[in-house]
């Protein structure tokens, strides 16, 4: 039930992203968001040095990795790479 609805939503978002013109990648909102995520990543890297053995950091790093992979993908799409 609920998982299928959520999966359909994800597919719709992905489909919209793949068919769009990605003009928003060059806009100030996306650029500002990327800057904020970069700053947060730097902050969390500093905090991570204080408690290296906390498993929470692995999950935090995965979230940043997913965001940066998304950023690379949409920038490549905007530049014309498929």
N, C-alpha and C. Protein backbone atom coordinates (compact mmCIF):
# COMPACT_ATOMS: atom_id res chain seq x y z
N UNK A 1 0.79 -1.19 0.00
CA UNK A 1 0.00 0.00 0.00
C UNK A 1 0.83 1.25 0.00
N UNK A 2 1.28 1.63 1.19
CA UNK A 2 1.97 2.91 1.36
C UNK A 2 3.31 2.93 0.64
N UNK A 3 4.03 1.80 0.63
CA UNK A 3 5.32 1.75 -0.04
C UNK A 3 5.18 1.91 -1.55
N UNK A 4 4.13 1.35 -2.10
CA UNK A 4 3.90 1.47 -3.55
C UNK A 4 3.62 2.92 -3.92
N UNK A 5 2.82 3.62 -3.11
CA UNK A 5 2.52 5.03 -3.36
C UNK A 5 3.80 5.85 -3.29
N UNK A 6 4.64 5.55 -2.31
CA UNK A 6 5.90 6.28 -2.17
C UNK A 6 6.83 6.00 -3.35
N UNK A 7 6.87 4.78 -3.79
CA UNK A 7 7.69 4.41 -4.93
C UNK A 7 7.22 5.10 -6.21
N UNK A 8 5.92 5.19 -6.39
CA UNK A 8 5.36 5.89 -7.55
C UNK A 8 5.76 7.36 -7.51
N UNK A 9 5.71 7.96 -6.33
CA UNK A 9 6.12 9.37 -6.19
C UNK A 9 7.58 9.56 -6.59
N UNK A 10 8.43 8.67 -6.12
CA UNK A 10 9.85 8.76 -6.46
C UNK A 10 10.04 8.65 -7.97
N UNK A 11 9.35 7.71 -8.61
CA UNK A 11 9.46 7.56 -10.06
C UNK A 11 8.99 8.82 -10.79
N UNK A 12 7.94 9.45 -10.29
CA UNK A 12 7.45 10.69 -10.92
C UNK A 12 8.48 11.81 -10.81
N UNK A 13 9.10 11.93 -9.64
CA UNK A 13 10.12 12.96 -9.45
C UNK A 13 11.30 12.71 -10.37
N UNK A 14 11.75 11.45 -10.44
CA UNK A 14 12.87 11.11 -11.31
C UNK A 14 12.52 11.38 -12.77
N UNK A 15 11.31 11.01 -13.17
CA UNK A 15 10.89 11.24 -14.55
C UNK A 15 10.87 12.74 -14.86
N UNK A 16 10.37 13.54 -13.95
CA UNK A 16 10.34 14.99 -14.14
C UNK A 16 11.75 15.54 -14.27
N UNK A 17 12.65 15.05 -13.43
CA UNK A 17 14.04 15.51 -13.49
C UNK A 17 14.70 15.13 -14.80
N UNK A 18 14.42 13.94 -15.29
CA UNK A 18 15.06 13.49 -16.52
C UNK A 18 14.53 14.19 -17.76
N UNK A 19 13.30 14.70 -17.71
CA UNK A 19 12.71 15.34 -18.87
C UNK A 19 12.82 16.86 -18.85
N UNK A 20 13.27 17.43 -17.75
CA UNK A 20 13.33 18.87 -17.62
C UNK A 20 14.48 19.48 -18.39
N UNK A 21 14.49 20.81 -18.47
CA UNK A 21 15.57 21.50 -19.17
C UNK A 21 16.69 21.93 -18.22
N UNK A 22 16.50 21.76 -16.94
CA UNK A 22 17.52 22.00 -15.93
C UNK A 22 18.03 23.44 -15.89
N UNK A 23 17.22 24.39 -16.32
CA UNK A 23 17.63 25.79 -16.24
C UNK A 23 17.83 26.25 -14.80
N UNK A 24 17.15 25.60 -13.88
CA UNK A 24 17.24 25.95 -12.46
C UNK A 24 18.62 25.66 -11.87
N UNK A 25 19.42 24.83 -12.55
CA UNK A 25 20.76 24.52 -12.05
C UNK A 25 21.63 25.76 -12.01
N UNK A 26 21.42 26.66 -12.97
CA UNK A 26 22.21 27.89 -13.04
C UNK A 26 21.63 29.01 -12.20
N UNK A 27 20.51 28.78 -11.57
CA UNK A 27 19.84 29.82 -10.79
C UNK A 27 20.44 30.02 -9.41
N UNK A 28 20.14 31.17 -8.82
CA UNK A 28 20.72 31.50 -7.51
C UNK A 28 20.23 30.59 -6.38
N UNK A 29 19.03 30.05 -6.49
CA UNK A 29 18.53 29.18 -5.42
C UNK A 29 19.34 27.89 -5.34
N UNK A 30 19.56 27.25 -6.49
CA UNK A 30 20.34 26.02 -6.49
C UNK A 30 21.79 26.30 -6.11
N UNK A 31 22.36 27.36 -6.67
CA UNK A 31 23.74 27.71 -6.36
C UNK A 31 23.92 27.98 -4.86
N UNK A 32 22.97 28.71 -4.28
CA UNK A 32 23.02 28.99 -2.85
C UNK A 32 22.87 27.73 -2.02
N UNK A 33 21.98 26.85 -2.46
CA UNK A 33 21.78 25.58 -1.75
C UNK A 33 23.05 24.74 -1.76
N UNK A 34 23.72 24.69 -2.89
CA UNK A 34 24.97 23.94 -2.98
C UNK A 34 26.01 24.55 -2.05
N UNK A 35 26.08 25.86 -2.01
CA UNK A 35 27.03 26.53 -1.11
C UNK A 35 26.76 26.22 0.35
N UNK A 36 25.49 26.19 0.72
CA UNK A 36 25.13 25.87 2.09
C UNK A 36 25.50 24.43 2.42
N UNK A 37 25.24 23.51 1.51
CA UNK A 37 25.58 22.10 1.73
C UNK A 37 27.10 21.93 1.84
N UNK A 38 27.86 22.64 1.03
CA UNK A 38 29.32 22.58 1.12
C UNK A 38 29.78 23.07 2.49
N UNK A 39 29.21 24.18 2.95
CA UNK A 39 29.58 24.71 4.27
C UNK A 39 29.20 23.73 5.38
N UNK A 40 28.02 23.14 5.29
CA UNK A 40 27.60 22.15 6.28
C UNK A 40 28.52 20.93 6.25
N UNK A 41 28.92 20.51 5.06
CA UNK A 41 29.83 19.38 4.95
C UNK A 41 31.15 19.69 5.64
N UNK A 42 31.67 20.88 5.43
CA UNK A 42 32.92 21.28 6.09
C UNK A 42 32.75 21.30 7.61
N UNK A 43 31.62 21.81 8.07
CA UNK A 43 31.35 21.85 9.51
C UNK A 43 31.30 20.44 10.09
N UNK A 44 30.58 19.55 9.41
CA UNK A 44 30.46 18.18 9.90
C UNK A 44 31.79 17.43 9.83
N UNK A 45 32.62 17.74 8.85
CA UNK A 45 33.95 17.11 8.81
C UNK A 45 34.77 17.54 10.01
N UNK A 46 34.64 18.81 10.39
CA UNK A 46 35.33 19.28 11.59
C UNK A 46 34.81 18.61 12.85
N UNK A 47 33.50 18.46 12.95
CA UNK A 47 32.91 17.79 14.11
C UNK A 47 33.28 16.31 14.15
N UNK A 48 33.40 15.72 12.97
CA UNK A 48 33.73 14.30 12.88
C UNK A 48 35.12 14.01 13.45
N UNK A 49 36.02 14.96 13.35
CA UNK A 49 37.37 14.73 13.88
C UNK A 49 37.37 14.63 15.40
N UNK A 50 36.34 15.15 16.04
CA UNK A 50 36.25 15.10 17.50
C UNK A 50 35.78 13.74 18.00
N UNK A 51 34.93 13.06 17.23
CA UNK A 51 34.43 11.74 17.64
C UNK A 51 34.42 10.82 16.43
N UNK A 52 35.57 10.33 16.09
CA UNK A 52 35.78 9.57 14.86
C UNK A 52 34.99 8.26 14.87
N UNK A 53 34.85 7.61 16.00
CA UNK A 53 34.29 6.26 16.04
C UNK A 53 32.78 6.22 16.18
N UNK A 54 32.11 7.32 15.98
CA UNK A 54 30.64 7.36 16.04
C UNK A 54 30.10 6.90 14.69
N UNK A 55 29.23 5.88 14.70
CA UNK A 55 28.69 5.35 13.43
C UNK A 55 27.73 6.31 12.75
N UNK A 56 27.26 7.32 13.46
CA UNK A 56 26.38 8.32 12.86
C UNK A 56 27.07 9.04 11.70
N UNK A 57 28.38 9.20 11.79
CA UNK A 57 29.11 9.93 10.75
C UNK A 57 29.03 9.22 9.41
N UNK A 58 28.99 7.90 9.41
CA UNK A 58 28.88 7.18 8.15
C UNK A 58 27.59 7.58 7.44
N UNK A 59 26.50 7.65 8.19
CA UNK A 59 25.20 8.03 7.60
C UNK A 59 25.21 9.49 7.13
N UNK A 60 25.80 10.36 7.91
CA UNK A 60 25.90 11.78 7.53
C UNK A 60 26.68 11.90 6.23
N UNK A 61 27.78 11.17 6.14
CA UNK A 61 28.60 11.21 4.91
C UNK A 61 27.84 10.67 3.71
N UNK A 62 27.00 9.67 3.92
CA UNK A 62 26.20 9.13 2.81
C UNK A 62 25.21 10.16 2.29
N UNK A 63 24.61 10.93 3.19
CA UNK A 63 23.67 11.98 2.78
C UNK A 63 24.40 13.03 1.92
N UNK A 64 25.58 13.44 2.37
CA UNK A 64 26.35 14.41 1.58
C UNK A 64 26.76 13.81 0.24
N UNK A 65 27.16 12.55 0.23
CA UNK A 65 27.55 11.89 -1.01
C UNK A 65 26.40 11.86 -2.00
N UNK A 66 25.21 11.51 -1.53
CA UNK A 66 24.04 11.47 -2.41
C UNK A 66 23.74 12.85 -2.98
N UNK A 67 23.83 13.87 -2.14
CA UNK A 67 23.57 15.23 -2.62
C UNK A 67 24.59 15.63 -3.69
N UNK A 68 25.87 15.36 -3.43
CA UNK A 68 26.90 15.78 -4.38
C UNK A 68 26.83 14.98 -5.68
N UNK A 69 26.46 13.72 -5.60
CA UNK A 69 26.25 12.95 -6.83
C UNK A 69 25.07 13.51 -7.63
N UNK A 70 24.02 13.90 -6.92
CA UNK A 70 22.87 14.54 -7.57
C UNK A 70 23.31 15.83 -8.25
N UNK A 71 24.12 16.63 -7.54
CA UNK A 71 24.58 17.90 -8.11
C UNK A 71 25.38 17.66 -9.38
N UNK A 72 26.30 16.71 -9.34
CA UNK A 72 27.11 16.41 -10.52
C UNK A 72 26.22 15.97 -11.68
N UNK A 73 25.27 15.12 -11.37
CA UNK A 73 24.38 14.59 -12.42
C UNK A 73 23.56 15.69 -13.09
N UNK A 74 22.97 16.58 -12.30
CA UNK A 74 22.14 17.62 -12.91
C UNK A 74 22.99 18.65 -13.64
N UNK A 75 24.20 18.91 -13.15
CA UNK A 75 25.09 19.82 -13.88
C UNK A 75 25.52 19.22 -15.21
N UNK A 76 25.82 17.92 -15.21
CA UNK A 76 26.16 17.26 -16.47
C UNK A 76 24.98 17.27 -17.42
N UNK A 77 23.81 17.04 -16.91
CA UNK A 77 22.60 17.04 -17.75
C UNK A 77 22.39 18.43 -18.35
N UNK A 78 22.57 19.45 -17.54
CA UNK A 78 22.41 20.84 -18.01
C UNK A 78 23.43 21.17 -19.10
N UNK A 79 24.65 20.61 -18.95
CA UNK A 79 25.71 20.89 -19.93
C UNK A 79 25.52 20.09 -21.21
N UNK A 80 24.62 19.12 -21.21
CA UNK A 80 24.33 18.38 -22.41
C UNK A 80 24.79 16.94 -22.41
N UNK A 81 25.41 16.49 -21.33
CA UNK A 81 25.84 15.09 -21.26
C UNK A 81 24.67 14.22 -20.84
N UNK A 82 24.54 13.06 -21.44
CA UNK A 82 23.47 12.13 -21.06
C UNK A 82 24.10 10.95 -20.50
